[in-house]
N, C-alpha and C. Protein backbone atom coordinates (compact mmCIF):
# COMPACT_ATOMS: atom_id res chain seq x y z
N MET A 1 1.83 -1.93 20.15
CA MET A 1 2.02 -2.83 19.02
C MET A 1 2.42 -2.01 17.80
N LYS A 2 3.35 -2.49 17.06
CA LYS A 2 3.86 -1.77 15.90
C LYS A 2 2.84 -1.82 14.77
N THR A 3 2.39 -0.66 14.32
CA THR A 3 1.36 -0.61 13.30
C THR A 3 1.90 -0.92 11.91
N ALA A 4 3.18 -0.70 11.68
CA ALA A 4 3.75 -1.02 10.36
C ALA A 4 3.64 -2.51 10.09
N GLY A 5 3.90 -3.32 11.09
CA GLY A 5 3.79 -4.77 10.93
C GLY A 5 2.36 -5.19 10.62
N ILE A 6 1.41 -4.53 11.28
CA ILE A 6 0.01 -4.83 11.03
C ILE A 6 -0.34 -4.49 9.59
N PHE A 7 0.15 -3.34 9.12
CA PHE A 7 -0.17 -2.97 7.75
C PHE A 7 0.47 -3.92 6.75
N SER A 8 1.67 -4.38 7.04
CA SER A 8 2.32 -5.34 6.14
C SER A 8 1.49 -6.60 6.01
N ILE A 9 0.92 -7.03 7.12
CA ILE A 9 0.06 -8.20 7.09
C ILE A 9 -1.19 -7.90 6.26
N ILE A 10 -1.77 -6.72 6.47
CA ILE A 10 -2.94 -6.32 5.69
C ILE A 10 -2.60 -6.32 4.20
N PHE A 11 -1.44 -5.77 3.85
CA PHE A 11 -1.01 -5.72 2.45
C PHE A 11 -0.94 -7.12 1.86
N LEU A 12 -0.36 -8.06 2.59
CA LEU A 12 -0.21 -9.43 2.08
C LEU A 12 -1.56 -10.08 1.84
N PHE A 13 -2.56 -9.75 2.66
CA PHE A 13 -3.88 -10.34 2.47
C PHE A 13 -4.65 -9.71 1.33
N PHE A 14 -4.44 -8.42 1.08
CA PHE A 14 -5.26 -7.73 0.11
C PHE A 14 -4.70 -7.74 -1.31
N PHE A 15 -3.40 -7.69 -1.46
CA PHE A 15 -2.87 -7.55 -2.81
C PHE A 15 -2.85 -8.82 -3.65
N PRO A 16 -2.95 -10.02 -3.08
CA PRO A 16 -3.12 -11.17 -3.98
C PRO A 16 -4.38 -11.02 -4.83
N ASN A 17 -5.41 -10.38 -4.31
CA ASN A 17 -6.64 -10.16 -5.08
C ASN A 17 -6.43 -9.19 -6.23
N LEU A 18 -5.46 -8.31 -6.09
CA LEU A 18 -5.21 -7.30 -7.11
C LEU A 18 -4.88 -7.95 -8.45
N PHE A 19 -4.14 -9.03 -8.43
CA PHE A 19 -3.70 -9.65 -9.67
C PHE A 19 -4.47 -10.92 -9.99
N ALA A 20 -5.59 -11.15 -9.32
CA ALA A 20 -6.34 -12.37 -9.53
C ALA A 20 -6.95 -12.43 -10.93
N GLN A 21 -7.34 -11.28 -11.50
CA GLN A 21 -8.01 -11.28 -12.79
C GLN A 21 -7.05 -11.57 -13.94
N GLU A 22 -5.90 -10.94 -13.93
CA GLU A 22 -5.02 -11.00 -15.08
C GLU A 22 -3.59 -10.72 -14.61
N LYS A 23 -2.64 -11.42 -15.20
CA LYS A 23 -1.24 -11.23 -14.83
C LYS A 23 -0.42 -10.93 -16.08
N PRO A 24 -0.49 -9.70 -16.55
CA PRO A 24 0.24 -9.38 -17.77
C PRO A 24 1.75 -9.30 -17.58
N TYR A 25 2.20 -9.07 -16.36
CA TYR A 25 3.64 -8.92 -16.11
C TYR A 25 4.07 -9.79 -14.93
N PRO A 26 4.22 -11.08 -15.14
CA PRO A 26 4.58 -11.97 -14.03
C PRO A 26 5.93 -11.63 -13.40
N GLU A 27 6.83 -11.02 -14.17
CA GLU A 27 8.13 -10.65 -13.60
C GLU A 27 7.98 -9.54 -12.54
N ILE A 28 7.04 -8.64 -12.75
CA ILE A 28 6.78 -7.61 -11.76
C ILE A 28 6.10 -8.22 -10.53
N ASP A 29 5.13 -9.10 -10.79
CA ASP A 29 4.47 -9.80 -9.69
C ASP A 29 5.49 -10.53 -8.82
N ALA A 30 6.47 -11.17 -9.46
CA ALA A 30 7.49 -11.92 -8.72
C ALA A 30 8.35 -11.00 -7.86
N LEU A 31 8.71 -9.84 -8.40
CA LEU A 31 9.50 -8.88 -7.63
C LEU A 31 8.73 -8.36 -6.42
N ILE A 32 7.46 -8.04 -6.62
CA ILE A 32 6.63 -7.57 -5.51
C ILE A 32 6.47 -8.67 -4.47
N SER A 33 6.27 -9.88 -4.92
CA SER A 33 6.12 -11.01 -4.01
C SER A 33 7.39 -11.22 -3.18
N LYS A 34 8.55 -11.13 -3.83
CA LYS A 34 9.81 -11.27 -3.10
C LYS A 34 9.96 -10.17 -2.06
N SER A 35 9.57 -8.95 -2.43
CA SER A 35 9.63 -7.83 -1.49
C SER A 35 8.75 -8.10 -0.28
N GLU A 36 7.52 -8.58 -0.53
CA GLU A 36 6.59 -8.87 0.56
C GLU A 36 7.14 -9.94 1.49
N LYS A 37 7.75 -10.97 0.91
CA LYS A 37 8.27 -12.07 1.72
C LYS A 37 9.48 -11.66 2.55
N LEU A 38 10.27 -10.73 2.04
CA LEU A 38 11.50 -10.33 2.73
C LEU A 38 11.32 -9.16 3.69
N ILE A 39 10.17 -8.53 3.69
CA ILE A 39 9.99 -7.30 4.46
C ILE A 39 10.27 -7.49 5.95
N GLU A 40 9.99 -8.66 6.49
CA GLU A 40 10.23 -8.91 7.91
C GLU A 40 11.62 -9.48 8.17
N VAL A 41 12.29 -9.96 7.13
CA VAL A 41 13.56 -10.68 7.29
C VAL A 41 14.76 -9.84 6.87
N ASN A 42 14.67 -9.23 5.69
CA ASN A 42 15.78 -8.48 5.14
C ASN A 42 15.22 -7.25 4.42
N MET A 43 15.09 -6.16 5.15
CA MET A 43 14.44 -4.97 4.60
C MET A 43 15.20 -4.36 3.43
N ASP A 44 16.53 -4.45 3.45
CA ASP A 44 17.30 -3.89 2.33
C ASP A 44 16.98 -4.63 1.04
N SER A 45 16.91 -5.96 1.11
CA SER A 45 16.55 -6.74 -0.07
C SER A 45 15.11 -6.48 -0.48
N ALA A 46 14.22 -6.37 0.51
CA ALA A 46 12.82 -6.08 0.21
C ALA A 46 12.70 -4.74 -0.52
N LEU A 47 13.46 -3.76 -0.06
CA LEU A 47 13.44 -2.45 -0.70
C LEU A 47 13.98 -2.53 -2.12
N SER A 48 15.05 -3.28 -2.29
CA SER A 48 15.64 -3.44 -3.61
C SER A 48 14.65 -4.07 -4.59
N TYR A 49 13.98 -5.14 -4.17
CA TYR A 49 13.00 -5.79 -5.05
C TYR A 49 11.83 -4.87 -5.36
N SER A 50 11.38 -4.10 -4.37
CA SER A 50 10.25 -3.21 -4.64
C SER A 50 10.65 -2.08 -5.60
N PHE A 51 11.89 -1.59 -5.48
CA PHE A 51 12.36 -0.57 -6.42
C PHE A 51 12.50 -1.15 -7.84
N LYS A 52 12.97 -2.39 -7.93
CA LYS A 52 13.07 -3.03 -9.24
C LYS A 52 11.69 -3.20 -9.86
N ALA A 53 10.70 -3.55 -9.04
CA ALA A 53 9.33 -3.68 -9.53
C ALA A 53 8.82 -2.33 -10.04
N ALA A 54 9.12 -1.27 -9.29
CA ALA A 54 8.68 0.07 -9.70
C ALA A 54 9.36 0.49 -11.01
N GLU A 55 10.65 0.22 -11.10
CA GLU A 55 11.38 0.57 -12.32
C GLU A 55 10.81 -0.16 -13.54
N LEU A 56 10.57 -1.44 -13.39
CA LEU A 56 10.02 -2.23 -14.49
C LEU A 56 8.59 -1.78 -14.83
N SER A 57 7.82 -1.45 -13.81
CA SER A 57 6.45 -0.97 -14.02
C SER A 57 6.45 0.34 -14.80
N LEU A 58 7.40 1.21 -14.49
CA LEU A 58 7.51 2.47 -15.23
C LEU A 58 7.89 2.22 -16.68
N LYS A 59 8.78 1.27 -16.92
CA LYS A 59 9.16 0.93 -18.30
C LYS A 59 7.98 0.39 -19.08
N LYS A 60 7.12 -0.39 -18.40
CA LYS A 60 5.93 -0.96 -19.05
C LYS A 60 4.81 0.07 -19.16
N ASN A 61 4.95 1.16 -18.42
CA ASN A 61 3.96 2.24 -18.41
C ASN A 61 2.57 1.73 -18.02
N ASP A 62 2.54 0.88 -17.00
CA ASP A 62 1.29 0.32 -16.52
C ASP A 62 0.95 0.97 -15.17
N SER A 63 -0.07 1.81 -15.18
CA SER A 63 -0.42 2.60 -13.99
C SER A 63 -0.75 1.73 -12.78
N SER A 64 -1.44 0.64 -13.00
CA SER A 64 -1.80 -0.24 -11.89
C SER A 64 -0.56 -0.85 -11.24
N TYR A 65 0.36 -1.31 -12.07
CA TYR A 65 1.59 -1.89 -11.54
C TYR A 65 2.49 -0.81 -10.92
N ILE A 66 2.49 0.36 -11.50
CA ILE A 66 3.28 1.47 -10.92
C ILE A 66 2.75 1.76 -9.53
N ALA A 67 1.44 1.90 -9.41
CA ALA A 67 0.83 2.19 -8.11
C ALA A 67 1.12 1.08 -7.11
N THR A 68 0.97 -0.15 -7.54
CA THR A 68 1.22 -1.28 -6.64
C THR A 68 2.68 -1.36 -6.23
N SER A 69 3.58 -1.09 -7.15
CA SER A 69 5.01 -1.12 -6.83
C SER A 69 5.37 -0.02 -5.84
N TYR A 70 4.80 1.15 -6.03
CA TYR A 70 5.06 2.24 -5.09
C TYR A 70 4.51 1.92 -3.70
N VAL A 71 3.38 1.24 -3.64
CA VAL A 71 2.86 0.80 -2.34
C VAL A 71 3.87 -0.15 -1.70
N ALA A 72 4.43 -1.06 -2.50
CA ALA A 72 5.41 -2.01 -1.97
C ALA A 72 6.64 -1.27 -1.41
N VAL A 73 7.10 -0.24 -2.14
CA VAL A 73 8.23 0.57 -1.64
C VAL A 73 7.82 1.26 -0.34
N GLY A 74 6.64 1.86 -0.33
CA GLY A 74 6.15 2.53 0.86
C GLY A 74 6.04 1.58 2.05
N ASN A 75 5.60 0.36 1.80
CA ASN A 75 5.47 -0.61 2.88
C ASN A 75 6.81 -0.95 3.51
N VAL A 76 7.84 -1.06 2.69
CA VAL A 76 9.17 -1.34 3.24
C VAL A 76 9.63 -0.16 4.08
N TYR A 77 9.48 1.05 3.55
CA TYR A 77 9.86 2.23 4.33
C TYR A 77 9.05 2.31 5.62
N ASP A 78 7.78 1.97 5.55
CA ASP A 78 6.95 1.98 6.75
C ASP A 78 7.48 0.98 7.77
N GLU A 79 7.85 -0.18 7.32
CA GLU A 79 8.40 -1.20 8.22
C GLU A 79 9.75 -0.76 8.79
N MET A 80 10.47 0.06 8.05
CA MET A 80 11.76 0.58 8.53
C MET A 80 11.58 1.79 9.44
N ASP A 81 10.33 2.13 9.74
CA ASP A 81 9.99 3.29 10.55
C ASP A 81 10.45 4.60 9.91
N GLU A 82 10.41 4.66 8.59
CA GLU A 82 10.73 5.87 7.84
C GLU A 82 9.43 6.41 7.26
N ALA A 83 8.62 7.00 8.13
CA ALA A 83 7.28 7.44 7.75
C ALA A 83 7.29 8.46 6.61
N ASP A 84 8.23 9.38 6.61
CA ASP A 84 8.26 10.39 5.55
C ASP A 84 8.47 9.76 4.18
N ASN A 85 9.40 8.81 4.09
CA ASN A 85 9.62 8.11 2.82
C ASN A 85 8.40 7.27 2.45
N ALA A 86 7.80 6.61 3.43
CA ALA A 86 6.60 5.80 3.17
C ALA A 86 5.50 6.70 2.60
N ILE A 87 5.27 7.83 3.24
CA ILE A 87 4.24 8.76 2.79
C ILE A 87 4.53 9.24 1.37
N SER A 88 5.77 9.54 1.09
CA SER A 88 6.15 10.00 -0.25
C SER A 88 5.78 8.96 -1.32
N TYR A 89 6.09 7.70 -1.04
CA TYR A 89 5.78 6.65 -2.04
C TYR A 89 4.30 6.33 -2.09
N TYR A 90 3.61 6.41 -0.97
CA TYR A 90 2.17 6.21 -1.01
C TYR A 90 1.50 7.32 -1.81
N GLN A 91 2.01 8.55 -1.70
CA GLN A 91 1.46 9.66 -2.49
C GLN A 91 1.76 9.45 -3.98
N LYS A 92 2.95 8.97 -4.30
CA LYS A 92 3.26 8.64 -5.70
C LYS A 92 2.30 7.57 -6.21
N SER A 93 2.02 6.60 -5.35
CA SER A 93 1.09 5.53 -5.71
C SER A 93 -0.30 6.09 -5.98
N LEU A 94 -0.73 6.98 -5.12
CA LEU A 94 -2.05 7.60 -5.30
C LEU A 94 -2.12 8.36 -6.63
N ASN A 95 -1.07 9.09 -6.96
CA ASN A 95 -1.03 9.81 -8.24
C ASN A 95 -1.06 8.84 -9.42
N ALA A 96 -0.33 7.74 -9.31
CA ALA A 96 -0.30 6.76 -10.39
C ALA A 96 -1.66 6.08 -10.57
N SER A 97 -2.44 6.03 -9.51
CA SER A 97 -3.72 5.30 -9.56
C SER A 97 -4.89 6.15 -10.05
N LYS A 98 -4.66 7.41 -10.34
CA LYS A 98 -5.77 8.30 -10.70
C LYS A 98 -6.58 7.83 -11.90
N ASN A 99 -5.95 7.20 -12.86
CA ASN A 99 -6.65 6.81 -14.09
C ASN A 99 -6.94 5.32 -14.18
N ILE A 100 -6.93 4.64 -13.04
CA ILE A 100 -7.27 3.22 -13.06
C ILE A 100 -8.62 3.03 -12.38
N SER A 101 -9.26 1.92 -12.66
CA SER A 101 -10.60 1.68 -12.12
C SER A 101 -10.61 0.79 -10.88
N ASP A 102 -9.47 0.32 -10.45
CA ASP A 102 -9.40 -0.61 -9.32
C ASP A 102 -9.62 0.14 -8.01
N GLU A 103 -10.86 0.16 -7.54
CA GLU A 103 -11.21 0.88 -6.31
C GLU A 103 -10.57 0.23 -5.08
N HIS A 104 -10.38 -1.07 -5.13
CA HIS A 104 -9.74 -1.76 -4.00
C HIS A 104 -8.31 -1.25 -3.82
N LEU A 105 -7.58 -1.12 -4.91
CA LEU A 105 -6.22 -0.59 -4.85
C LEU A 105 -6.23 0.85 -4.33
N LYS A 106 -7.12 1.66 -4.85
CA LYS A 106 -7.19 3.06 -4.42
C LYS A 106 -7.50 3.16 -2.93
N MET A 107 -8.42 2.32 -2.46
CA MET A 107 -8.78 2.34 -1.05
C MET A 107 -7.59 1.89 -0.20
N THR A 108 -6.86 0.89 -0.68
CA THR A 108 -5.69 0.39 0.04
C THR A 108 -4.60 1.46 0.12
N ILE A 109 -4.43 2.21 -0.95
CA ILE A 109 -3.44 3.30 -0.95
C ILE A 109 -3.81 4.36 0.09
N LYS A 110 -5.08 4.73 0.12
CA LYS A 110 -5.53 5.73 1.10
C LYS A 110 -5.34 5.21 2.53
N LEU A 111 -5.62 3.94 2.73
CA LEU A 111 -5.40 3.33 4.03
C LEU A 111 -3.91 3.34 4.39
N SER A 112 -3.07 3.08 3.41
CA SER A 112 -1.62 3.11 3.63
C SER A 112 -1.17 4.50 4.06
N LEU A 113 -1.67 5.52 3.37
CA LEU A 113 -1.34 6.90 3.75
C LEU A 113 -1.81 7.20 5.17
N ALA A 114 -3.02 6.80 5.48
CA ALA A 114 -3.55 7.03 6.81
C ALA A 114 -2.68 6.38 7.87
N GLN A 115 -2.30 5.14 7.63
CA GLN A 115 -1.49 4.41 8.59
C GLN A 115 -0.11 5.06 8.76
N ALA A 116 0.47 5.52 7.67
CA ALA A 116 1.80 6.15 7.75
C ALA A 116 1.73 7.46 8.54
N PHE A 117 0.69 8.25 8.29
CA PHE A 117 0.53 9.49 9.06
C PHE A 117 0.29 9.17 10.54
N PHE A 118 -0.47 8.11 10.79
CA PHE A 118 -0.70 7.67 12.17
C PHE A 118 0.63 7.29 12.83
N ASP A 119 1.44 6.50 12.12
CA ASP A 119 2.74 6.09 12.65
C ASP A 119 3.63 7.29 12.94
N LYS A 120 3.50 8.32 12.14
CA LYS A 120 4.30 9.53 12.30
C LYS A 120 3.80 10.38 13.47
N GLY A 121 2.61 10.08 13.95
CA GLY A 121 2.04 10.85 15.05
C GLY A 121 1.18 12.01 14.58
N ASN A 122 0.94 12.09 13.28
CA ASN A 122 0.10 13.15 12.72
C ASN A 122 -1.33 12.60 12.63
N PHE A 123 -2.01 12.60 13.77
CA PHE A 123 -3.32 11.95 13.88
C PHE A 123 -4.42 12.67 13.11
N ASP A 124 -4.33 13.99 13.00
CA ASP A 124 -5.34 14.72 12.22
C ASP A 124 -5.27 14.33 10.75
N GLU A 125 -4.06 14.28 10.21
CA GLU A 125 -3.90 13.89 8.81
C GLU A 125 -4.28 12.42 8.62
N ALA A 126 -3.92 11.59 9.58
CA ALA A 126 -4.29 10.17 9.51
C ALA A 126 -5.80 10.03 9.46
N PHE A 127 -6.49 10.77 10.33
CA PHE A 127 -7.95 10.70 10.36
C PHE A 127 -8.55 11.09 9.01
N LEU A 128 -8.01 12.14 8.40
CA LEU A 128 -8.52 12.57 7.09
C LEU A 128 -8.35 11.46 6.04
N TRP A 129 -7.21 10.78 6.06
CA TRP A 129 -6.98 9.72 5.07
C TRP A 129 -7.82 8.48 5.37
N PHE A 130 -8.04 8.18 6.65
CA PHE A 130 -8.95 7.08 6.98
C PHE A 130 -10.35 7.39 6.45
N LYS A 131 -10.78 8.64 6.60
CA LYS A 131 -12.10 9.05 6.10
C LYS A 131 -12.15 8.98 4.57
N LYS A 132 -11.06 9.36 3.90
CA LYS A 132 -11.02 9.26 2.44
C LYS A 132 -11.11 7.81 2.00
N ALA A 133 -10.43 6.94 2.71
CA ALA A 133 -10.52 5.50 2.40
C ALA A 133 -11.95 5.01 2.63
N LYS A 134 -12.57 5.47 3.69
CA LYS A 134 -13.93 5.06 4.02
C LYS A 134 -14.92 5.52 2.94
N SER A 135 -14.63 6.63 2.29
CA SER A 135 -15.56 7.15 1.28
C SER A 135 -15.72 6.19 0.09
N SER A 136 -14.79 5.27 -0.07
CA SER A 136 -14.89 4.27 -1.15
C SER A 136 -15.56 2.99 -0.69
N GLU A 137 -16.04 2.98 0.52
CA GLU A 137 -16.58 1.76 1.14
C GLU A 137 -17.65 1.09 0.28
N SER A 138 -18.53 1.86 -0.33
CA SER A 138 -19.61 1.27 -1.12
C SER A 138 -19.12 0.64 -2.42
N LYS A 139 -17.89 0.97 -2.84
CA LYS A 139 -17.35 0.45 -4.09
C LYS A 139 -16.53 -0.82 -3.91
N VAL A 140 -16.22 -1.16 -2.66
CA VAL A 140 -15.35 -2.30 -2.38
C VAL A 140 -16.02 -3.20 -1.35
N SER A 141 -16.16 -4.45 -1.69
CA SER A 141 -16.79 -5.39 -0.75
C SER A 141 -15.71 -6.29 -0.15
N ASP A 142 -14.93 -5.70 0.72
CA ASP A 142 -13.87 -6.44 1.39
C ASP A 142 -13.98 -6.14 2.88
N PRO A 143 -14.59 -7.03 3.64
CA PRO A 143 -14.83 -6.73 5.05
C PRO A 143 -13.55 -6.51 5.86
N ASP A 144 -12.46 -7.19 5.50
CA ASP A 144 -11.21 -6.99 6.22
C ASP A 144 -10.65 -5.58 6.01
N LEU A 145 -10.73 -5.10 4.78
CA LEU A 145 -10.26 -3.75 4.48
C LEU A 145 -11.14 -2.72 5.18
N ILE A 146 -12.44 -2.93 5.14
CA ILE A 146 -13.38 -2.02 5.82
C ILE A 146 -13.09 -2.01 7.32
N TYR A 147 -12.85 -3.18 7.88
CA TYR A 147 -12.53 -3.28 9.30
C TYR A 147 -11.26 -2.49 9.62
N ALA A 148 -10.23 -2.63 8.77
CA ALA A 148 -8.97 -1.90 9.00
C ALA A 148 -9.19 -0.40 9.00
N ILE A 149 -10.07 0.07 8.14
CA ILE A 149 -10.36 1.50 8.06
C ILE A 149 -11.08 1.97 9.33
N TYR A 150 -12.13 1.25 9.71
CA TYR A 150 -12.86 1.64 10.92
C TYR A 150 -11.98 1.53 12.17
N SER A 151 -11.14 0.52 12.20
CA SER A 151 -10.22 0.37 13.32
C SER A 151 -9.26 1.56 13.39
N GLY A 152 -8.75 1.97 12.23
CA GLY A 152 -7.87 3.13 12.17
C GLY A 152 -8.56 4.40 12.62
N ILE A 153 -9.80 4.58 12.19
CA ILE A 153 -10.56 5.76 12.62
C ILE A 153 -10.71 5.74 14.13
N ALA A 154 -11.05 4.60 14.69
CA ALA A 154 -11.21 4.49 16.14
C ALA A 154 -9.92 4.79 16.88
N HIS A 155 -8.80 4.34 16.35
CA HIS A 155 -7.51 4.57 17.01
C HIS A 155 -7.08 6.04 16.96
N THR A 156 -7.61 6.81 16.03
CA THR A 156 -7.25 8.23 15.97
C THR A 156 -7.96 9.04 17.04
N TYR A 157 -9.01 8.48 17.61
CA TYR A 157 -9.72 9.20 18.67
C TYR A 157 -8.97 9.05 19.93
C-alpha cells in the first residue's frame, strides 16, 4: 500500500484543526485547501497552489503558515514519490516551526519527515523521526496522530 496516500489522508484530517482557533489569512488557507483537494487529481496544480501558499506566507512573515505551507509542498512531493524533495520541505517546515507553540503542528511535521524517510527506504532515519514525534505525545491529545506514530514505529521493525 502506498504510504504517501495514507499520509495525505492523515494530513487532511489533522490540519483542519490547525486553523480552528483563528484564521488571520483566509487566502492562504484557501490555497492550502486547494492543494489538498487536488493532490490526488492534479499534482502539478496541487504543487502550484502549495507554492503560492508558501510564497504568501513568507510575505506575511507568519511562521505557522510558513510551516504549514511547506508541509503542503512536502505532501505533494511525497505523493509524487519525490522523497528527497518532500524531506527538504518538511525540514524547512520544521525550521519554520521552531518559534511557534503549536505542538500538534510540530508533531505532524516530525511524522511527515518520518514517513518520507520510510518511503525512501531509510528505515533507521524514519525510526528516529517517529520517536521524535512520539516524544511530543504528552503535549498533544490526538489519538489518530498518536496511532499514526505508533503504527509507523511498528512498520520500521
